[in-house]
PDB file of N, CA and C in Angstrom:
ATOM      1  N   MET A   1       0.850  -1.175   0.000  1.00  0.00           N
ATOM      2  CA  MET A   1       0.000   0.000   0.000  1.00  0.00           C
ATOM      3  C   MET A   1       0.896   1.239   0.000  1.00  0.00           C
ATOM      4  N   SER A   2       0.588   2.203  -0.876  1.00  0.00           N
ATOM      5  CA  SER A   2       1.382   3.424  -0.952  1.00  0.00           C
ATOM      6  C   SER A   2       1.066   4.347   0.231  1.00  0.00           C
ATOM      7  N   TYR A   3       1.908   5.333   0.395  1.00  0.00           N
ATOM      8  CA  TYR A   3       1.722   6.289   1.496  1.00  0.00           C
ATOM      9  C   TYR A   3       0.356   6.969   1.406  1.00  0.00           C
ATOM     10  N   ILE A   4       0.001   7.415   0.202  1.00  0.00           N
ATOM     11  CA  ILE A   4      -1.270   8.129   0.030  1.00  0.00           C
ATOM     12  C   ILE A   4      -2.447   7.198   0.293  1.00  0.00           C
ATOM     13  N   GLU A   5      -2.364   5.979  -0.205  1.00  0.00           N
ATOM     14  CA  GLU A   5      -3.452   5.016   0.037  1.00  0.00           C
ATOM     15  C   GLU A   5      -3.601   4.727   1.526  1.00  0.00           C
ATOM     16  N   GLU A   6      -2.485   4.586   2.207  1.00  0.00           N
ATOM     17  CA  GLU A   6      -2.514   4.348   3.650  1.00  0.00           C
ATOM     18  C   GLU A   6      -3.106   5.557   4.381  1.00  0.00           C
ATOM     19  N   PHE A   7      -2.685   6.751   3.964  1.00  0.00           N
ATOM     20  CA  PHE A   7      -3.200   7.980   4.570  1.00  0.00           C
ATOM     21  C   PHE A   7      -4.712   8.085   4.375  1.00  0.00           C
ATOM     22  N   GLU A   8      -5.179   7.842   3.133  1.00  0.00           N
ATOM     23  CA  GLU A   8      -6.616   7.915   2.844  1.00  0.00           C
ATOM     24  C   GLU A   8      -7.405   6.908   3.665  1.00  0.00           C
ATOM     25  N   SER A   9      -6.852   5.707   3.802  1.00  0.00           N
ATOM     26  CA  SER A   9      -7.517   4.668   4.580  1.00  0.00           C
ATOM     27  C   SER A   9      -7.644   5.068   6.050  1.00  0.00           C
ATOM     28  N   GLU A  10      -6.554   5.566   6.609  1.00  0.00           N
ATOM     29  CA  GLU A  10      -6.577   6.007   8.005  1.00  0.00           C
ATOM     30  C   GLU A  10      -7.535   7.171   8.204  1.00  0.00           C
ATOM     31  N   LEU A  11      -7.517   8.130   7.273  1.00  0.00           N
ATOM     32  CA  LEU A  11      -8.396   9.288   7.381  1.00  0.00           C
ATOM     33  C   LEU A  11      -9.864   8.865   7.303  1.00  0.00           C
ATOM     34  N   ALA A  12     -10.181   8.005   6.353  1.00  0.00           N
ATOM     35  CA  ALA A  12     -11.556   7.518   6.228  1.00  0.00           C
ATOM     36  C   ALA A  12     -11.993   6.805   7.500  1.00  0.00           C
ATOM     37  N   GLY A  13     -11.106   6.024   8.084  1.00  0.00           N
ATOM     38  CA  GLY A  13     -11.422   5.331   9.328  1.00  0.00           C
ATOM     39  C   GLY A  13     -11.731   6.293  10.453  1.00  0.00           C
ATOM     40  N   LYS A  14     -10.929   7.351  10.537  1.00  0.00           N
ATOM     41  CA  LYS A  14     -11.161   8.350  11.582  1.00  0.00           C
ATOM     42  C   LYS A  14     -12.482   9.079  11.366  1.00  0.00           C
ATOM     43  N   LEU A  15     -12.774   9.415  10.122  1.00  0.00           N
ATOM     44  CA  LEU A  15     -14.026  10.122   9.827  1.00  0.00           C
ATOM     45  C   LEU A  15     -15.236   9.227  10.066  1.00  0.00           C
ATOM     46  N   ASN A  16     -15.137   7.962   9.671  1.00  0.00           N
ATOM     47  CA  ASN A  16     -16.249   7.024   9.857  1.00  0.00           C
ATOM     48  C   ASN A  16     -16.465   6.667  11.320  1.00  0.00           C
ATOM     49  N   ALA A  17     -15.413   6.737  12.118  1.00  0.00           N
ATOM     50  CA  ALA A  17     -15.518   6.431  13.540  1.00  0.00           C
ATOM     51  C   ALA A  17     -16.135   7.585  14.320  1.00  0.00           C
ATOM     52  N   GLY A  18     -16.301   8.712  13.638  1.00  0.00           N
ATOM     53  CA  GLY A  18     -16.931   9.858  14.293  1.00  0.00           C
ATOM     54  C   GLY A  18     -16.018  10.615  15.230  1.00  0.00           C
ATOM     55  N   GLU A  19     -14.718  10.544  14.987  1.00  0.00           N
ATOM     56  CA  GLU A  19     -13.789  11.305  15.833  1.00  0.00           C
ATOM     57  C   GLU A  19     -14.086  12.795  15.700  1.00  0.00           C
ATOM     58  N   ASP A  20     -13.803  13.532  16.766  1.00  0.00           N
ATOM     59  CA  ASP A  20     -14.083  14.966  16.735  1.00  0.00           C
ATOM     60  C   ASP A  20     -13.141  15.683  15.762  1.00  0.00           C
ATOM     61  N   THR A  21     -13.601  16.806  15.240  1.00  0.00           N
ATOM     62  CA  THR A  21     -12.892  17.558  14.212  1.00  0.00           C
ATOM     63  C   THR A  21     -11.500  17.970  14.668  1.00  0.00           C
ATOM     64  N   VAL A  22     -11.354  18.396  15.885  1.00  0.00           N
ATOM     65  CA  VAL A  22     -10.060  18.870  16.388  1.00  0.00           C
ATOM     66  C   VAL A  22      -9.017  17.757  16.346  1.00  0.00           C
ATOM     67  N   SER A  23      -9.383  16.565  16.773  1.00  0.00           N
ATOM     68  CA  SER A  23      -8.409  15.472  16.780  1.00  0.00           C
ATOM     69  C   SER A  23      -8.051  15.032  15.365  1.00  0.00           C
ATOM     70  N   VAL A  24      -9.012  15.064  14.438  1.00  0.00           N
ATOM     71  CA  VAL A  24      -8.733  14.703  13.049  1.00  0.00           C
ATOM     72  C   VAL A  24      -7.812  15.743  12.415  1.00  0.00           C
ATOM     73  N   VAL A  25      -8.089  17.002  12.637  1.00  0.00           N
ATOM     74  CA  VAL A  25      -7.246  18.076  12.092  1.00  0.00           C
ATOM     75  C   VAL A  25      -5.838  17.977  12.670  1.00  0.00           C
ATOM     76  N   ARG A  26      -5.708  17.723  13.938  1.00  0.00           N
ATOM     77  CA  ARG A  26      -4.395  17.586  14.577  1.00  0.00           C
ATOM     78  C   ARG A  26      -3.640  16.395  13.984  1.00  0.00           C
ATOM     79  N   TRP A  27      -4.333  15.265  13.772  1.00  0.00           N
ATOM     80  CA  TRP A  27      -3.710  14.076  13.183  1.00  0.00           C
ATOM     81  C   TRP A  27      -3.221  14.373  11.764  1.00  0.00           C
ATOM     82  N   VAL A  28      -4.062  15.045  10.966  1.00  0.00           N
ATOM     83  CA  VAL A  28      -3.670  15.386   9.594  1.00  0.00           C
ATOM     84  C   VAL A  28      -2.452  16.311   9.607  1.00  0.00           C
ATOM     85  N   ALA A  29      -2.450  17.293  10.478  1.00  0.00           N
ATOM     86  CA  ALA A  29      -1.325  18.228  10.566  1.00  0.00           C
ATOM     87  C   ALA A  29      -0.037  17.489  10.922  1.00  0.00           C
ATOM     88  N   GLU A  30      -0.110  16.542  11.839  1.00  0.00           N
ATOM     89  CA  GLU A  30       1.071  15.773  12.217  1.00  0.00           C
ATOM     90  C   GLU A  30       1.573  14.927  11.053  1.00  0.00           C
ATOM     91  N   LYS A  31       0.656  14.310  10.296  1.00  0.00           N
ATOM     92  CA  LYS A  31       1.042  13.490   9.146  1.00  0.00           C
ATOM     93  C   LYS A  31       1.700  14.341   8.062  1.00  0.00           C
ATOM     94  N   VAL A  32       1.156  15.526   7.811  1.00  0.00           N
ATOM     95  CA  VAL A  32       1.716  16.423   6.801  1.00  0.00           C
ATOM     96  C   VAL A  32       3.112  16.872   7.224  1.00  0.00           C
ATOM     97  N   LEU A  33       3.264  17.244   8.478  1.00  0.00           N
ATOM     98  CA  LEU A  33       4.567  17.670   8.980  1.00  0.00           C
ATOM     99  C   LEU A  33       5.585  16.528   8.906  1.00  0.00           C
ATOM    100  N   GLU A  34       5.166  15.322   9.255  1.00  0.00           N
ATOM    101  CA  GLU A  34       6.045  14.154   9.178  1.00  0.00           C
ATOM    102  C   GLU A  34       6.487  13.920   7.729  1.00  0.00           C
ATOM    103  N   SER A  35       5.549  14.016   6.789  1.00  0.00           N
ATOM    104  CA  SER A  35       5.866  13.828   5.374  1.00  0.00           C
ATOM    105  C   SER A  35       6.831  14.907   4.888  1.00  0.00           C
ATOM    106  N   TYR A  36       6.593  16.147   5.303  1.00  0.00           N
ATOM    107  CA  TYR A  36       7.465  17.262   4.928  1.00  0.00           C
ATOM    108  C   TYR A  36       8.881  17.020   5.429  1.00  0.00           C
ATOM    109  N   ARG A  37       9.002  16.627   6.689  1.00  0.00           N
ATOM    110  CA  ARG A  37      10.327  16.382   7.264  1.00  0.00           C
ATOM    111  C   ARG A  37      11.024  15.219   6.570  1.00  0.00           C
ATOM    112  N   ASN A  38      10.271  14.180   6.219  1.00  0.00           N
ATOM    113  CA  ASN A  38      10.858  13.057   5.491  1.00  0.00           C
ATOM    114  C   ASN A  38      11.360  13.508   4.119  1.00  0.00           C
ATOM    115  N   GLY A  39      10.648  14.405   3.472  1.00  0.00           N
ATOM    116  CA  GLY A  39      11.071  14.932   2.185  1.00  0.00           C
ATOM    117  C   GLY A  39      12.337  15.750   2.300  1.00  0.00           C
ATOM    118  N   ILE A  40      12.436  16.545   3.338  1.00  0.00           N
ATOM    119  CA  ILE A  40      13.637  17.351   3.580  1.00  0.00           C
ATOM    120  C   ILE A  40      14.827  16.425   3.803  1.00  0.00           C
ATOM    121  N   THR A  41      14.640  15.399   4.610  1.00  0.00           N
ATOM    122  CA  THR A  41      15.713  14.447   4.899  1.00  0.00           C
ATOM    123  C   THR A  41      16.160  13.733   3.633  1.00  0.00           C
ATOM    124  N   ALA A  42      15.216  13.317   2.808  1.00  0.00           N
ATOM    125  CA  ALA A  42      15.558  12.631   1.556  1.00  0.00           C
ATOM    126  C   ALA A  42      16.335  13.559   0.640  1.00  0.00           C
ATOM    127  N   GLY A  43      15.956  14.830   0.593  1.00  0.00           N
ATOM    128  CA  GLY A  43      16.654  15.808  -0.233  1.00  0.00           C
ATOM    129  C   GLY A  43      18.086  16.025   0.219  1.00  0.00           C
ATOM    130  N   GLN A  44      18.322  15.989   1.516  1.00  0.00           N
ATOM    131  CA  GLN A  44      19.665  16.179   2.042  1.00  0.00           C
ATOM    132  C   GLN A  44      20.570  14.999   1.717  1.00  0.00           C
ATOM    133  N   LYS A  45      19.973  13.831   1.530  1.00  0.00           N
ATOM    134  CA  LYS A  45      20.749  12.636   1.196  1.00  0.00           C
ATOM    135  C   LYS A  45      21.063  12.584  -0.288  1.00  0.00           C
ATOM    136  N   GLY A  46      20.521  13.522  -1.051  1.00  0.00           N
ATOM    137  CA  GLY A  46      20.778  13.564  -2.477  1.00  0.00           C
ATOM    138  C   GLY A  46      20.004  12.530  -3.263  1.00  0.00           C
ATOM    139  N   ALA A  47      18.894  12.078  -2.729  1.00  0.00           N
ATOM    140  CA  ALA A  47      18.089  11.072  -3.416  1.00  0.00           C
ATOM    141  C   ALA A  47      17.483  11.669  -4.678  1.00  0.00           C
ATOM    142  N   THR A  48      17.560  10.944  -5.753  1.00  0.00           N
ATOM    143  CA  THR A  48      16.971  11.378  -7.003  1.00  0.00           C
ATOM    144  C   THR A  48      15.594  10.749  -7.141  1.00  0.00           C
ATOM    145  N   VAL A  49      14.611  11.564  -7.396  1.00  0.00           N
ATOM    146  CA  VAL A  49      13.252  11.074  -7.552  1.00  0.00           C
ATOM    147  C   VAL A  49      12.955  10.961  -9.032  1.00  0.00           C
ATOM    148  N   ILE A  50      12.607   9.771  -9.458  1.00  0.00           N
ATOM    149  CA  ILE A  50      12.261   9.545 -10.859  1.00  0.00           C
ATOM    150  C   ILE A  50      10.797   9.160 -10.911  1.00  0.00           C
ATOM    151  N   ARG A  51      10.033   9.962 -11.607  1.00  0.00           N
ATOM    152  CA  ARG A  51       8.599   9.702 -11.719  1.00  0.00           C
ATOM    153  C   ARG A  51       8.283   9.148 -13.093  1.00  0.00           C
ATOM    154  N   LYS A  52       7.330   8.240 -13.132  1.00  0.00           N
ATOM    155  CA  LYS A  52       6.884   7.685 -14.400  1.00  0.00           C
ATOM    156  C   LYS A  52       5.935   8.669 -15.063  1.00  0.00           C
ATOM    157  N   GLY A  53       5.889   8.663 -16.368  1.00  0.00           N
ATOM    158  CA  GLY A  53       4.945   9.504 -17.078  1.00  0.00           C
ATOM    159  C   GLY A  53       5.601  10.708 -17.706  1.00  0.00           C
ATOM    160  N   LYS A  54       4.783  11.519 -18.317  1.00  0.00           N
ATOM    161  CA  LYS A  54       5.268  12.700 -19.025  1.00  0.00           C
ATOM    162  C   LYS A  54       5.354  13.896 -18.084  1.00  0.00           C
ATOM    163  N   SER A  55       6.200  14.831 -18.454  1.00  0.00           N
ATOM    164  CA  SER A  55       6.325  16.057 -17.688  1.00  0.00           C
ATOM    165  C   SER A  55       5.055  16.873 -17.829  1.00  0.00           C
ATOM    166  N   ARG A  56       4.680  17.534 -16.765  1.00  0.00           N
ATOM    167  CA  ARG A  56       3.500  18.391 -16.806  1.00  0.00           C
ATOM    168  C   ARG A  56       3.861  19.847 -17.085  1.00  0.00           C
ATOM    169  N   ARG A  57       5.174  20.118 -17.189  1.00  0.00           N
ATOM    170  CA  ARG A  57       5.600  21.486 -17.474  1.00  0.00           C
ATOM    171  C   ARG A  57       5.364  21.786 -18.946  1.00  0.00           C
ATOM    172  N   ARG A  58       4.874  22.974 -19.219  1.00  0.00           N
ATOM    173  CA  ARG A  58       4.607  23.367 -20.602  1.00  0.00           C
ATOM    174  C   ARG A  58       5.895  23.507 -21.381  1.00  0.00           C
ATOM    175  N   GLY A  59       5.850  23.064 -22.629  1.00  0.00           N
ATOM    176  CA  GLY A  59       6.978  23.252 -23.509  1.00  0.00           C
ATOM    177  C   GLY A  59       8.130  22.300 -23.256  1.00  0.00           C
ATOM    178  N   PHE A  60       8.016  21.422 -22.287  1.00  0.00           N
ATOM    179  CA  PHE A  60       9.106  20.502 -22.005  1.00  0.00           C
ATOM    180  C   PHE A  60       8.847  19.194 -22.712  1.00  0.00           C
ATOM    181  N   SER A  61       9.810  18.772 -23.468  1.00  0.00           N
ATOM    182  CA  SER A  61       9.719  17.469 -24.125  1.00  0.00           C
ATOM    183  C   SER A  61      11.103  16.849 -24.141  1.00  0.00           C
ATOM    184  N   PRO A  62      11.193  15.528 -24.199  1.00  0.00           N
ATOM    185  CA  PRO A  62      12.505  14.871 -24.195  1.00  0.00           C
ATOM    186  C   PRO A  62      13.404  15.336 -25.329  1.00  0.00           C
ATOM    187  N   GLU A  63      12.814  15.717 -26.474  1.00  0.00           N
ATOM    188  CA  GLU A  63      13.609  16.167 -27.602  1.00  0.00           C
ATOM    189  C   GLU A  63      14.336  17.466 -27.277  1.00  0.00           C
ATOM    190  N   ARG A  64      13.718  18.328 -26.500  1.00  0.00           N
ATOM    191  CA  ARG A  64      14.318  19.625 -26.167  1.00  0.00           C
ATOM    192  C   ARG A  64      15.426  19.480 -25.142  1.00  0.00           C
ATOM    193  N   GLU A  65      15.465  18.357 -24.438  1.00  0.00           N
ATOM    194  CA  GLU A  65      16.454  18.151 -23.397  1.00  0.00           C
ATOM    195  C   GLU A  65      17.876  18.174 -23.951  1.00  0.00           C
ATOM    196  N   ALA A  66      18.044  17.738 -25.213  1.00  0.00           N
ATOM    197  CA  ALA A  66      19.368  17.683 -25.824  1.00  0.00           C
ATOM    198  C   ALA A  66      19.914  19.074 -26.151  1.00  0.00           C
ATOM    199  N   ASP A  67      19.066  20.092 -26.203  1.00  0.00           N
ATOM    200  CA  ASP A  67      19.501  21.463 -26.544  1.00  0.00           C
ATOM    201  C   ASP A  67      20.457  22.037 -25.545  1.00  0.00           C
TER     202      ASP A  67
END
């Protein structure tokens, strides 16, 4: 299960269980902060992220990369 799928599953569980809004918001904030910190740490290690699919930036194509 991917991080997002796991997050969605946990969030749905909390919402379906009827948890109060404050605790759900606090949980989401903690998860976002944890993800942010993990991203910062990965960046410091020089990890290269390779995504599948086409670039979403306008005007960018593999042919132009050689220029």
